[in-house]
Amino acid sequence: MSEFLMEADEGMLGFFSAIADVLQSFGISRAEAVARVNHAWGDQKFDPYPDLMCHEDAEYWAHGLYYTDGSNDGTVVAYWEEYPDRSTWRITPPPPADSPAWTLPRES
């Protein structure tokens, strides 16, 4: 079984893995990183790589899955700015503990 739930070819699964890699760089476990990706897109089917979502890179999607600017309007934090104002950035909660998005064992 793949760590990812979505229906996708190997290229797209690699793209999702790259998103999880960026999420891990924020200091979370691989299990949580994969769960965040699965929670966002696990029930979707993707075209072969490069699917339309590849118009943005893994870093963009990872920031959107992990941080919010507090506006609750889906705005991705402006991480790309030279001197981003991180004072409003908040970490979004991970998927619920009983969510099927958790496909890897959680670390204690």
PDB file of N, CA and C in Angstrom:
ATOM      1  N   MET A   1       0.845  -1.189   0.000  1.00  0.00           N
ATOM      2  CA  MET A   1       0.000   0.000   0.000  1.00  0.00           C
ATOM      3  C   MET A   1       0.884   1.243   0.000  1.00  0.00           C
ATOM      4  N   SER A   2       0.516   2.204  -0.806  1.00  0.00           N
ATOM      5  CA  SER A   2       1.221   3.480  -0.859  1.00  0.00           C
ATOM      6  C   SER A   2       0.907   4.297   0.391  1.00  0.00           C
ATOM      7  N   GLU A   3       1.807   5.177   0.756  1.00  0.00           N
ATOM      8  CA  GLU A   3       1.526   6.066   1.886  1.00  0.00           C
ATOM      9  C   GLU A   3       0.445   7.082   1.533  1.00  0.00           C
ATOM     10  N   PHE A   4       0.209   7.282   0.234  1.00  0.00           N
ATOM     11  CA  PHE A   4      -0.792   8.249  -0.206  1.00  0.00           C
ATOM     12  C   PHE A   4      -2.070   7.550  -0.656  1.00  0.00           C
ATOM     13  N   LEU A   5      -3.198   8.188  -0.403  1.00  0.00           N
ATOM     14  CA  LEU A   5      -4.512   7.605  -0.691  1.00  0.00           C
ATOM     15  C   LEU A   5      -5.044   7.944  -2.079  1.00  0.00           C
ATOM     16  N   MET A   6      -4.582   9.023  -2.664  1.00  0.00           N
ATOM     17  CA  MET A   6      -5.154   9.486  -3.921  1.00  0.00           C
ATOM     18  C   MET A   6      -4.795   8.572  -5.088  1.00  0.00           C
ATOM     19  N   GLU A   7      -5.664   8.597  -6.076  1.00  0.00           N
ATOM     20  CA  GLU A   7      -5.427   7.831  -7.295  1.00  0.00           C
ATOM     21  C   GLU A   7      -4.552   8.687  -8.198  1.00  0.00           C
ATOM     22  N   ALA A   8      -3.306   8.235  -8.403  1.00  0.00           N
ATOM     23  CA  ALA A   8      -2.352   9.037  -9.169  1.00  0.00           C
ATOM     24  C   ALA A   8      -1.247   8.135  -9.711  1.00  0.00           C
ATOM     25  N   ASP A   9      -0.608   8.597 -10.787  1.00  0.00           N
ATOM     26  CA  ASP A   9       0.504   7.832 -11.345  1.00  0.00           C
ATOM     27  C   ASP A   9       1.768   8.058 -10.508  1.00  0.00           C
ATOM     28  N   GLU A  10       2.828   7.343 -10.846  1.00  0.00           N
ATOM     29  CA  GLU A  10       4.074   7.421 -10.068  1.00  0.00           C
ATOM     30  C   GLU A  10       4.635   8.841 -10.037  1.00  0.00           C
ATOM     31  N   GLY A  11       4.505   9.560 -11.149  1.00  0.00           N
ATOM     32  CA  GLY A  11       5.001  10.936 -11.188  1.00  0.00           C
ATOM     33  C   GLY A  11       4.280  11.829 -10.201  1.00  0.00           C
ATOM     34  N   MET A  12       2.966  11.704 -10.135  1.00  0.00           N
ATOM     35  CA  MET A  12       2.199  12.521  -9.189  1.00  0.00           C
ATOM     36  C   MET A  12       2.449  12.073  -7.757  1.00  0.00           C
ATOM     37  N   LEU A  13       2.588  10.776  -7.538  1.00  0.00           N
ATOM     38  CA  LEU A  13       2.914  10.311  -6.188  1.00  0.00           C
ATOM     39  C   LEU A  13       4.262  10.877  -5.749  1.00  0.00           C
ATOM     40  N   GLY A  14       5.191  11.004  -6.689  1.00  0.00           N
ATOM     41  CA  GLY A  14       6.469  11.643  -6.387  1.00  0.00           C
ATOM     42  C   GLY A  14       6.296  13.109  -6.036  1.00  0.00           C
ATOM     43  N   PHE A  15       5.374  13.781  -6.719  1.00  0.00           N
ATOM     44  CA  PHE A  15       5.084  15.185  -6.421  1.00  0.00           C
ATOM     45  C   PHE A  15       4.498  15.315  -5.016  1.00  0.00           C
ATOM     46  N   PHE A  16       3.570  14.426  -4.665  1.00  0.00           N
ATOM     47  CA  PHE A  16       2.998  14.456  -3.315  1.00  0.00           C
ATOM     48  C   PHE A  16       4.069  14.146  -2.268  1.00  0.00           C
ATOM     49  N   SER A  17       4.985  13.265  -2.600  1.00  0.00           N
ATOM     50  CA  SER A  17       6.085  12.962  -1.690  1.00  0.00           C
ATOM     51  C   SER A  17       6.970  14.191  -1.485  1.00  0.00           C
ATOM     52  N   ALA A  18       7.182  14.954  -2.551  1.00  0.00           N
ATOM     53  CA  ALA A  18       7.972  16.187  -2.437  1.00  0.00           C
ATOM     54  C   ALA A  18       7.268  17.197  -1.530  1.00  0.00           C
ATOM     55  N   ILE A  19       5.941  17.268  -1.611  1.00  0.00           N
ATOM     56  CA  ILE A  19       5.181  18.152  -0.713  1.00  0.00           C
ATOM     57  C   ILE A  19       5.382  17.696   0.729  1.00  0.00           C
ATOM     58  N   ALA A  20       5.285  16.393   0.955  1.00  0.00           N
ATOM     59  CA  ALA A  20       5.490  15.858   2.305  1.00  0.00           C
ATOM     60  C   ALA A  20       6.911  16.138   2.793  1.00  0.00           C
ATOM     61  N   ASP A  21       7.889  16.083   1.894  1.00  0.00           N
ATOM     62  CA  ASP A  21       9.271  16.395   2.274  1.00  0.00           C
ATOM     63  C   ASP A  21       9.384  17.830   2.780  1.00  0.00           C
ATOM     64  N   VAL A  22       8.747  18.765   2.071  1.00  0.00           N
ATOM     65  CA  VAL A  22       8.776  20.166   2.512  1.00  0.00           C
ATOM     66  C   VAL A  22       8.078  20.293   3.862  1.00  0.00           C
ATOM     67  N   LEU A  23       6.943  19.636   4.014  1.00  0.00           N
ATOM     68  CA  LEU A  23       6.246  19.671   5.302  1.00  0.00           C
ATOM     69  C   LEU A  23       7.148  19.159   6.425  1.00  0.00           C
ATOM     70  N   GLN A  24       7.878  18.099   6.176  1.00  0.00           N
ATOM     71  CA  GLN A  24       8.802  17.583   7.188  1.00  0.00           C
ATOM     72  C   GLN A  24       9.862  18.615   7.553  1.00  0.00           C
ATOM     73  N   SER A  25      10.256  19.428   6.594  1.00  0.00           N
ATOM     74  CA  SER A  25      11.277  20.446   6.883  1.00  0.00           C
ATOM     75  C   SER A  25      10.767  21.488   7.877  1.00  0.00           C
ATOM     76  N   PHE A  26       9.451  21.526   8.106  1.00  0.00           N
ATOM     77  CA  PHE A  26       8.873  22.438   9.101  1.00  0.00           C
ATOM     78  C   PHE A  26       8.980  21.855  10.512  1.00  0.00           C
ATOM     79  N   GLY A  27       9.461  20.620  10.618  1.00  0.00           N
ATOM     80  CA  GLY A  27       9.673  20.015  11.926  1.00  0.00           C
ATOM     81  C   GLY A  27       8.637  18.998  12.353  1.00  0.00           C
ATOM     82  N   ILE A  28       7.807  18.541  11.411  1.00  0.00           N
ATOM     83  CA  ILE A  28       6.812  17.527  11.755  1.00  0.00           C
ATOM     84  C   ILE A  28       7.280  16.168  11.249  1.00  0.00           C
ATOM     85  N   SER A  29       6.648  15.116  11.737  1.00  0.00           N
ATOM     86  CA  SER A  29       7.011  13.756  11.335  1.00  0.00           C
ATOM     87  C   SER A  29       6.544  13.466   9.910  1.00  0.00           C
ATOM     88  N   ARG A  30       7.134  12.425   9.322  1.00  0.00           N
ATOM     89  CA  ARG A  30       6.686  11.978   8.001  1.00  0.00           C
ATOM     90  C   ARG A  30       5.221  11.558   8.069  1.00  0.00           C
ATOM     91  N   ALA A  31       4.829  10.900   9.147  1.00  0.00           N
ATOM     92  CA  ALA A  31       3.441  10.451   9.290  1.00  0.00           C
ATOM     93  C   ALA A  31       2.479  11.632   9.243  1.00  0.00           C
ATOM     94  N   GLU A  32       2.794  12.703   9.958  1.00  0.00           N
ATOM     95  CA  GLU A  32       1.910  13.872   9.934  1.00  0.00           C
ATOM     96  C   GLU A  32       1.941  14.559   8.580  1.00  0.00           C
ATOM     97  N   ALA A  33       3.116  14.639   7.968  1.00  0.00           N
ATOM     98  CA  ALA A  33       3.225  15.271   6.654  1.00  0.00           C
ATOM     99  C   ALA A  33       2.357  14.543   5.631  1.00  0.00           C
ATOM    100  N   VAL A  34       2.451  13.220   5.608  1.00  0.00           N
ATOM    101  CA  VAL A  34       1.651  12.416   4.681  1.00  0.00           C
ATOM    102  C   VAL A  34       0.168  12.549   5.016  1.00  0.00           C
ATOM    103  N   ALA A  35      -0.167  12.554   6.289  1.00  0.00           N
ATOM    104  CA  ALA A  35      -1.571  12.698   6.694  1.00  0.00           C
ATOM    105  C   ALA A  35      -2.142  14.026   6.216  1.00  0.00           C
ATOM    106  N   ARG A  36      -1.363  15.094   6.279  1.00  0.00           N
ATOM    107  CA  ARG A  36      -1.842  16.400   5.804  1.00  0.00           C
ATOM    108  C   ARG A  36      -2.111  16.361   4.297  1.00  0.00           C
ATOM    109  N   VAL A  37      -1.216  15.722   3.544  1.00  0.00           N
ATOM    110  CA  VAL A  37      -1.413  15.593   2.094  1.00  0.00           C
ATOM    111  C   VAL A  37      -2.649  14.740   1.818  1.00  0.00           C
ATOM    112  N   ASN A  38      -2.765  13.601   2.484  1.00  0.00           N
ATOM    113  CA  ASN A  38      -3.928  12.726   2.291  1.00  0.00           C
ATOM    114  C   ASN A  38      -5.228  13.412   2.682  1.00  0.00           C
ATOM    115  N   HIS A  39      -5.197  14.158   3.763  1.00  0.00           N
ATOM    116  CA  HIS A  39      -6.400  14.854   4.229  1.00  0.00           C
ATOM    117  C   HIS A  39      -6.880  15.866   3.179  1.00  0.00           C
ATOM    118  N   ALA A  40      -5.939  16.513   2.521  1.00  0.00           N
ATOM    119  CA  ALA A  40      -6.283  17.520   1.516  1.00  0.00           C
ATOM    120  C   ALA A  40      -6.779  16.900   0.213  1.00  0.00           C
ATOM    121  N   TRP A  41      -6.151  15.833  -0.241  1.00  0.00           N
ATOM    122  CA  TRP A  41      -6.421  15.334  -1.589  1.00  0.00           C
ATOM    123  C   TRP A  41      -6.664  13.836  -1.685  1.00  0.00           C
ATOM    124  N   GLY A  42      -6.766  13.131  -0.573  1.00  0.00           N
ATOM    125  CA  GLY A  42      -6.839  11.675  -0.587  1.00  0.00           C
ATOM    126  C   GLY A  42      -7.985  11.069  -1.353  1.00  0.00           C
ATOM    127  N   ASP A  43      -9.073  11.791  -1.490  1.00  0.00           N
ATOM    128  CA  ASP A  43     -10.243  11.231  -2.180  1.00  0.00           C
ATOM    129  C   ASP A  43     -10.317  11.651  -3.645  1.00  0.00           C
ATOM    130  N   GLN A  44      -9.254  12.234  -4.166  1.00  0.00           N
ATOM    131  CA  GLN A  44      -9.278  12.738  -5.536  1.00  0.00           C
ATOM    132  C   GLN A  44      -8.481  11.851  -6.484  1.00  0.00           C
ATOM    133  N   LYS A  45      -8.808  11.973  -7.756  1.00  0.00           N
ATOM    134  CA  LYS A  45      -8.090  11.284  -8.822  1.00  0.00           C
ATOM    135  C   LYS A  45      -7.321  12.342  -9.602  1.00  0.00           C
ATOM    136  N   PHE A  46      -6.070  12.058  -9.900  1.00  0.00           N
ATOM    137  CA  PHE A  46      -5.219  13.025 -10.575  1.00  0.00           C
ATOM    138  C   PHE A  46      -4.805  12.522 -11.942  1.00  0.00           C
ATOM    139  N   ASP A  47      -4.691  13.458 -12.877  1.00  0.00           N
ATOM    140  CA  ASP A  47      -4.172  13.133 -14.196  1.00  0.00           C
ATOM    141  C   ASP A  47      -2.692  12.784 -14.063  1.00  0.00           C
ATOM    142  N   PRO A  48      -2.137  12.135 -15.091  1.00  0.00           N
ATOM    143  CA  PRO A  48      -0.710  11.813 -15.027  1.00  0.00           C
ATOM    144  C   PRO A  48       0.139  13.076 -14.847  1.00  0.00           C
ATOM    145  N   TYR A  49       1.310  12.878 -14.236  1.00  0.00           N
ATOM    146  CA  TYR A  49       2.240  13.983 -14.027  1.00  0.00           C
ATOM    147  C   TYR A  49       2.631  14.581 -15.372  1.00  0.00           C
ATOM    148  N   PRO A  50       2.632  15.880 -15.494  1.00  0.00           N
ATOM    149  CA  PRO A  50       2.293  16.885 -14.504  1.00  0.00           C
ATOM    150  C   PRO A  50       0.810  17.255 -14.548  1.00  0.00           C
ATOM    151  N   ASP A  51       0.083  16.886 -13.525  1.00  0.00           N
ATOM    152  CA  ASP A  51      -1.313  17.285 -13.368  1.00  0.00           C
ATOM    153  C   ASP A  51      -1.369  18.811 -13.263  1.00  0.00           C
ATOM    154  N   LEU A  52      -2.547  19.367 -13.459  1.00  0.00           N
ATOM    155  CA  LEU A  52      -2.724  20.819 -13.397  1.00  0.00           C
ATOM    156  C   LEU A  52      -2.191  21.414 -12.096  1.00  0.00           C
ATOM    157  N   MET A  53      -2.308  20.682 -10.987  1.00  0.00           N
ATOM    158  CA  MET A  53      -1.851  21.253  -9.713  1.00  0.00           C
ATOM    159  C   MET A  53      -0.349  21.486  -9.692  1.00  0.00           C
ATOM    160  N   CYS A  54       0.372  20.913 -10.635  1.00  0.00           N
ATOM    161  CA  CYS A  54       1.825  21.103 -10.692  1.00  0.00           C
ATOM    162  C   CYS A  54       2.207  22.491 -11.213  1.00  0.00           C
ATOM    163  N   HIS A  55       1.204  23.319 -11.520  1.00  0.00           N
ATOM    164  CA  HIS A  55       1.536  24.693 -11.908  1.00  0.00           C
ATOM    165  C   HIS A  55       2.117  25.456 -10.729  1.00  0.00           C
ATOM    166  N   GLU A  56       1.907  24.941  -9.521  1.00  0.00           N
ATOM    167  CA  GLU A  56       2.560  25.464  -8.315  1.00  0.00           C
ATOM    168  C   GLU A  56       3.517  24.385  -7.820  1.00  0.00           C
ATOM    169  N   ASP A  57       4.609  24.806  -7.195  1.00  0.00           N
ATOM    170  CA  ASP A  57       5.588  23.823  -6.735  1.00  0.00           C
ATOM    171  C   ASP A  57       5.231  23.245  -5.370  1.00  0.00           C
ATOM    172  N   ALA A  58       5.998  22.248  -4.969  1.00  0.00           N
ATOM    173  CA  ALA A  58       5.735  21.557  -3.704  1.00  0.00           C
ATOM    174  C   ALA A  58       5.797  22.509  -2.516  1.00  0.00           C
ATOM    175  N   GLU A  59       6.698  23.467  -2.556  1.00  0.00           N
ATOM    176  CA  GLU A  59       6.827  24.423  -1.452  1.00  0.00           C
ATOM    177  C   GLU A  59       5.539  25.224  -1.265  1.00  0.00           C
ATOM    178  N   TYR A  60       4.933  25.641  -2.362  1.00  0.00           N
ATOM    179  CA  TYR A  60       3.672  26.390  -2.300  1.00  0.00           C
ATOM    180  C   TYR A  60       2.596  25.562  -1.595  1.00  0.00           C
ATOM    181  N   TRP A  61       2.410  24.327  -2.053  1.00  0.00           N
ATOM    182  CA  TRP A  61       1.361  23.494  -1.478  1.00  0.00           C
ATOM    183  C   TRP A  61       1.642  23.170  -0.016  1.00  0.00           C
ATOM    184  N   ALA A  62       2.893  22.912   0.321  1.00  0.00           N
ATOM    185  CA  ALA A  62       3.241  22.596   1.710  1.00  0.00           C
ATOM    186  C   ALA A  62       2.932  23.768   2.636  1.00  0.00           C
ATOM    187  N   HIS A  63       3.289  24.972   2.223  1.00  0.00           N
ATOM    188  CA  HIS A  63       2.976  26.138   3.057  1.00  0.00           C
ATOM    189  C   HIS A  63       1.468  26.282   3.238  1.00  0.00           C
ATOM    190  N   GLY A  64       0.715  26.028   2.183  1.00  0.00           N
ATOM    191  CA  GLY A  64      -0.739  26.132   2.275  1.00  0.00           C
ATOM    192  C   GLY A  64      -1.372  25.071   3.161  1.00  0.00           C
ATOM    193  N   LEU A  65      -0.739  23.904   3.239  1.00  0.00           N
ATOM    194  CA  LEU A  65      -1.266  22.828   4.085  1.00  0.00           C
ATOM    195  C   LEU A  65      -0.885  22.996   5.552  1.00  0.00           C
ATOM    196  N   TYR A  66       0.176  23.732   5.811  1.00  0.00           N
ATOM    197  CA  TYR A  66       0.681  23.835   7.184  1.00  0.00           C
ATOM    198  C   TYR A  66       0.352  25.159   7.863  1.00  0.00           C
ATOM    199  N   TYR A  67       0.422  26.232   7.106  1.00  0.00           N
ATOM    200  CA  TYR A  67       0.216  27.560   7.693  1.00  0.00           C
ATOM    201  C   TYR A  67      -1.067  28.210   7.197  1.00  0.00           C
ATOM    202  N   THR A  68      -1.605  29.094   8.012  1.00  0.00           N
ATOM    203  CA  THR A  68      -2.691  29.979   7.614  1.00  0.00           C
ATOM    204  C   THR A  68      -2.292  31.380   8.033  1.00  0.00           C
ATOM    205  N   ASP A  69      -2.824  32.363   7.349  1.00  0.00           N
ATOM    206  CA  ASP A  69      -2.545  33.745   7.763  1.00  0.00           C
ATOM    207  C   ASP A  69      -3.627  34.253   8.702  1.00  0.00           C
ATOM    208  N   GLY A  70      -4.527  33.355   9.084  1.00  0.00           N
ATOM    209  CA  GLY A  70      -5.587  33.720  10.012  1.00  0.00           C
ATOM    210  C   GLY A  70      -6.830  34.276   9.355  1.00  0.00           C
ATOM    211  N   SER A  71      -6.824  34.433   8.040  1.00  0.00           N
ATOM    212  CA  SER A  71      -7.971  35.034   7.352  1.00  0.00           C
ATOM    213  C   SER A  71      -9.086  34.030   7.084  1.00  0.00           C
ATOM    214  N   ASN A  72      -8.768  32.741   7.115  1.00  0.00           N
ATOM    215  CA  ASN A  72      -9.744  31.680   6.821  1.00  0.00           C
ATOM    216  C   ASN A  72     -10.357  31.792   5.434  1.00  0.00           C
ATOM    217  N   ASP A  73      -9.639  32.443   4.514  1.00  0.00           N
ATOM    218  CA  ASP A  73     -10.164  32.559   3.154  1.00  0.00           C
ATOM    219  C   ASP A  73      -9.362  31.729   2.156  1.00  0.00           C
ATOM    220  N   GLY A  74      -8.500  30.872   2.667  1.00  0.00           N
ATOM    221  CA  GLY A  74      -7.709  30.017   1.793  1.00  0.00           C
ATOM    222  C   GLY A  74      -6.445  30.662   1.261  1.00  0.00           C
ATOM    223  N   THR A  75      -6.145  31.868   1.707  1.00  0.00           N
ATOM    224  CA  THR A  75      -4.950  32.562   1.253  1.00  0.00           C
ATOM    225  C   THR A  75      -3.706  31.838   1.752  1.00  0.00           C
ATOM    226  N   VAL A  76      -2.780  31.592   0.840  1.00  0.00           N
ATOM    227  CA  VAL A  76      -1.506  30.991   1.224  1.00  0.00           C
ATOM    228  C   VAL A  76      -0.609  32.096   1.756  1.00  0.00           C
ATOM    229  N   VAL A  77       0.083  31.812   2.855  1.00  0.00           N
ATOM    230  CA  VAL A  77       0.986  32.810   3.421  1.00  0.00           C
ATOM    231  C   VAL A  77       2.035  33.190   2.382  1.00  0.00           C
ATOM    232  N   ALA A  78       2.448  34.434   2.393  1.00  0.00           N
ATOM    233  CA  ALA A  78       3.378  34.960   1.384  1.00  0.00           C
ATOM    234  C   ALA A  78       4.819  34.604   1.753  1.00  0.00           C
ATOM    235  N   TYR A  79       5.112  33.317   1.765  1.00  0.00           N
ATOM    236  CA  TYR A  79       6.439  32.839   2.151  1.00  0.00           C
ATOM    237  C   TYR A  79       7.512  33.259   1.157  1.00  0.00           C
ATOM    238  N   TRP A  80       7.142  33.571  -0.066  1.00  0.00           N
ATOM    239  CA  TRP A  80       8.084  33.883  -1.134  1.00  0.00           C
ATOM    240  C   TRP A  80       8.635  35.309  -1.046  1.00  0.00           C
ATOM    241  N   GLU A  81       8.018  36.150  -0.224  1.00  0.00           N
ATOM    242  CA  GLU A  81       8.515  37.517  -0.088  1.00  0.00           C
ATOM    243  C   GLU A  81       9.893  37.503   0.568  1.00  0.00           C
ATOM    244  N   GLU A  82      10.714  38.486   0.222  1.00  0.00           N
ATOM    245  CA  GLU A  82      12.072  38.536   0.765  1.00  0.00           C
ATOM    246  C   GLU A  82      12.073  38.622   2.292  1.00  0.00           C
ATOM    247  N   TYR A  83      11.179  39.430   2.827  1.00  0.00           N
ATOM    248  CA  TYR A  83      11.055  39.588   4.276  1.00  0.00           C
ATOM    249  C   TYR A  83       9.593  39.399   4.675  1.00  0.00           C
ATOM    250  N   PRO A  84       9.104  38.157   4.647  1.00  0.00           N
ATOM    251  CA  PRO A  84       7.683  37.936   4.948  1.00  0.00           C
ATOM    252  C   PRO A  84       7.352  38.274   6.400  1.00  0.00           C
ATOM    253  N   ASP A  85       6.173  38.832   6.594  1.00  0.00           N
ATOM    254  CA  ASP A  85       5.689  39.136   7.941  1.00  0.00           C
ATOM    255  C   ASP A  85       5.050  37.870   8.497  1.00  0.00           C
ATOM    256  N   ARG A  86       5.784  37.175   9.326  1.00  0.00           N
ATOM    257  CA  ARG A  86       5.298  35.905   9.877  1.00  0.00           C
ATOM    258  C   ARG A  86       4.469  36.097  11.145  1.00  0.00           C
ATOM    259  N   SER A  87       4.241  37.340  11.531  1.00  0.00           N
ATOM    260  CA  SER A  87       3.541  37.595  12.794  1.00  0.00           C
ATOM    261  C   SER A  87       2.098  37.095  12.786  1.00  0.00           C
ATOM    262  N   THR A  88       1.501  36.969  11.610  1.00  0.00           N
ATOM    263  CA  THR A  88       0.112  36.500  11.532  1.00  0.00           C
ATOM    264  C   THR A  88       0.010  35.020  11.151  1.00  0.00           C
ATOM    265  N   TRP A  89       1.135  34.387  10.857  1.00  0.00           N
ATOM    266  CA  TRP A  89       1.114  32.984  10.450  1.00  0.00           C
ATOM    267  C   TRP A  89       0.734  32.101  11.629  1.00  0.00           C
ATOM    268  N   ARG A  90      -0.152  31.184  11.385  1.00  0.00           N
ATOM    269  CA  ARG A  90      -0.564  30.214  12.393  1.00  0.00           C
ATOM    270  C   ARG A  90      -0.458  28.816  11.791  1.00  0.00           C
ATOM    271  N   ILE A  91      -0.121  27.860  12.627  1.00  0.00           N
ATOM    272  CA  ILE A  91      -0.045  26.470  12.175  1.00  0.00           C
ATOM    273  C   ILE A  91      -1.438  25.865  12.229  1.00  0.00           C
ATOM    274  N   THR A  92      -1.848  25.270  11.125  1.00  0.00           N
ATOM    275  CA  THR A  92      -3.152  24.613  11.094  1.00  0.00           C
ATOM    276  C   THR A  92      -3.052  23.279  11.832  1.00  0.00           C
ATOM    277  N   PRO A  93      -4.136  22.844  12.445  1.00  0.00           N
ATOM    278  CA  PRO A  93      -4.079  21.560  13.159  1.00  0.00           C
ATOM    279  C   PRO A  93      -3.938  20.394  12.176  1.00  0.00           C
ATOM    280  N   PRO A  94      -3.313  19.319  12.620  1.00  0.00           N
ATOM    281  CA  PRO A  94      -3.226  18.134  11.765  1.00  0.00           C
ATOM    282  C   PRO A  94      -4.597  17.479  11.635  1.00  0.00           C
ATOM    283  N   PRO A  95      -4.736  16.518  10.731  1.00  0.00           N
ATOM    284  CA  PRO A  95      -6.009  15.798  10.621  1.00  0.00           C
ATOM    285  C   PRO A  95      -6.361  15.128  11.950  1.00  0.00           C
ATOM    286  N   PRO A  96      -7.654  14.903  12.186  1.00  0.00           N
ATOM    287  CA  PRO A  96      -8.066  14.222  13.423  1.00  0.00           C
ATOM    288  C   PRO A  96      -7.370  12.867  13.569  1.00  0.00           C
ATOM    289  N   ALA A  97      -7.143  12.468  14.789  1.00  0.00           N
ATOM    290  CA  ALA A  97      -6.423  11.219  15.077  1.00  0.00           C
ATOM    291  C   ALA A  97      -7.084   9.993  14.458  1.00  0.00           C
ATOM    292  N   ASP A  98      -8.405  10.019  14.312  1.00  0.00           N
ATOM    293  CA  ASP A  98      -9.116   8.858  13.761  1.00  0.00           C
ATOM    294  C   ASP A  98      -9.334   8.953  12.249  1.00  0.00           C
ATOM    295  N   SER A  99      -8.705   9.927  11.611  1.00  0.00           N
ATOM    296  CA  SER A  99      -8.859  10.117  10.171  1.00  0.00           C
ATOM    297  C   SER A  99      -8.126   9.025   9.394  1.00  0.00           C
ATOM    298  N   PRO A 100      -8.719   8.559   8.283  1.00  0.00           N
ATOM    299  CA  PRO A 100      -8.026   7.585   7.436  1.00  0.00           C
ATOM    300  C   PRO A 100      -6.811   8.186   6.728  1.00  0.00           C
ATOM    301  N   ALA A 101      -6.631   9.505   6.838  1.00  0.00           N
ATOM    302  CA  ALA A 101      -5.475  10.161   6.231  1.00  0.00           C
ATOM    303  C   ALA A 101      -4.161   9.689   6.847  1.00  0.00           C
ATOM    304  N   TRP A 102      -4.227   9.181   8.078  1.00  0.00           N
ATOM    305  CA  TRP A 102      -3.030   8.686   8.768  1.00  0.00           C
ATOM    306  C   TRP A 102      -2.727   7.273   8.270  1.00  0.00           C
ATOM    307  N   THR A 103      -1.851   7.159   7.290  1.00  0.00           N
ATOM    308  CA  THR A 103      -1.508   5.855   6.718  1.00  0.00           C
ATOM    309  C   THR A 103      -0.177   5.326   7.234  1.00  0.00           C
ATOM    310  N   LEU A 104       0.572   6.152   7.929  1.00  0.00           N
ATOM    311  CA  LEU A 104       1.850   5.741   8.510  1.00  0.00           C
ATOM    312  C   LEU A 104       1.730   5.760  10.031  1.00  0.00           C
ATOM    313  N   PRO A 105       2.482   4.915  10.708  1.00  0.00           N
ATOM    314  CA  PRO A 105       2.430   4.920  12.178  1.00  0.00           C
ATOM    315  C   PRO A 105       2.894   6.266  12.734  1.00  0.00           C
ATOM    316  N   ARG A 106       2.152   6.744  13.699  1.00  0.00           N
ATOM    317  CA  ARG A 106       2.526   7.999  14.357  1.00  0.00           C
ATOM    318  C   ARG A 106       3.593   7.740  15.395  1.00  0.00           C
ATOM    319  N   GLU A 107       4.494   8.708  15.507  1.00  0.00           N
ATOM    320  CA  GLU A 107       5.540   8.604  16.526  1.00  0.00           C
ATOM    321  C   GLU A 107       4.966   9.044  17.859  1.00  0.00           C
ATOM    322  N   SER A 108       5.389   8.403  18.915  1.00  0.00           N
ATOM    323  CA  SER A 108       4.895   8.745  20.252  1.00  0.00           C
ATOM    324  C   SER A 108       5.591   9.974  20.782  1.00  0.00           C
TER     325      SER A 108
END
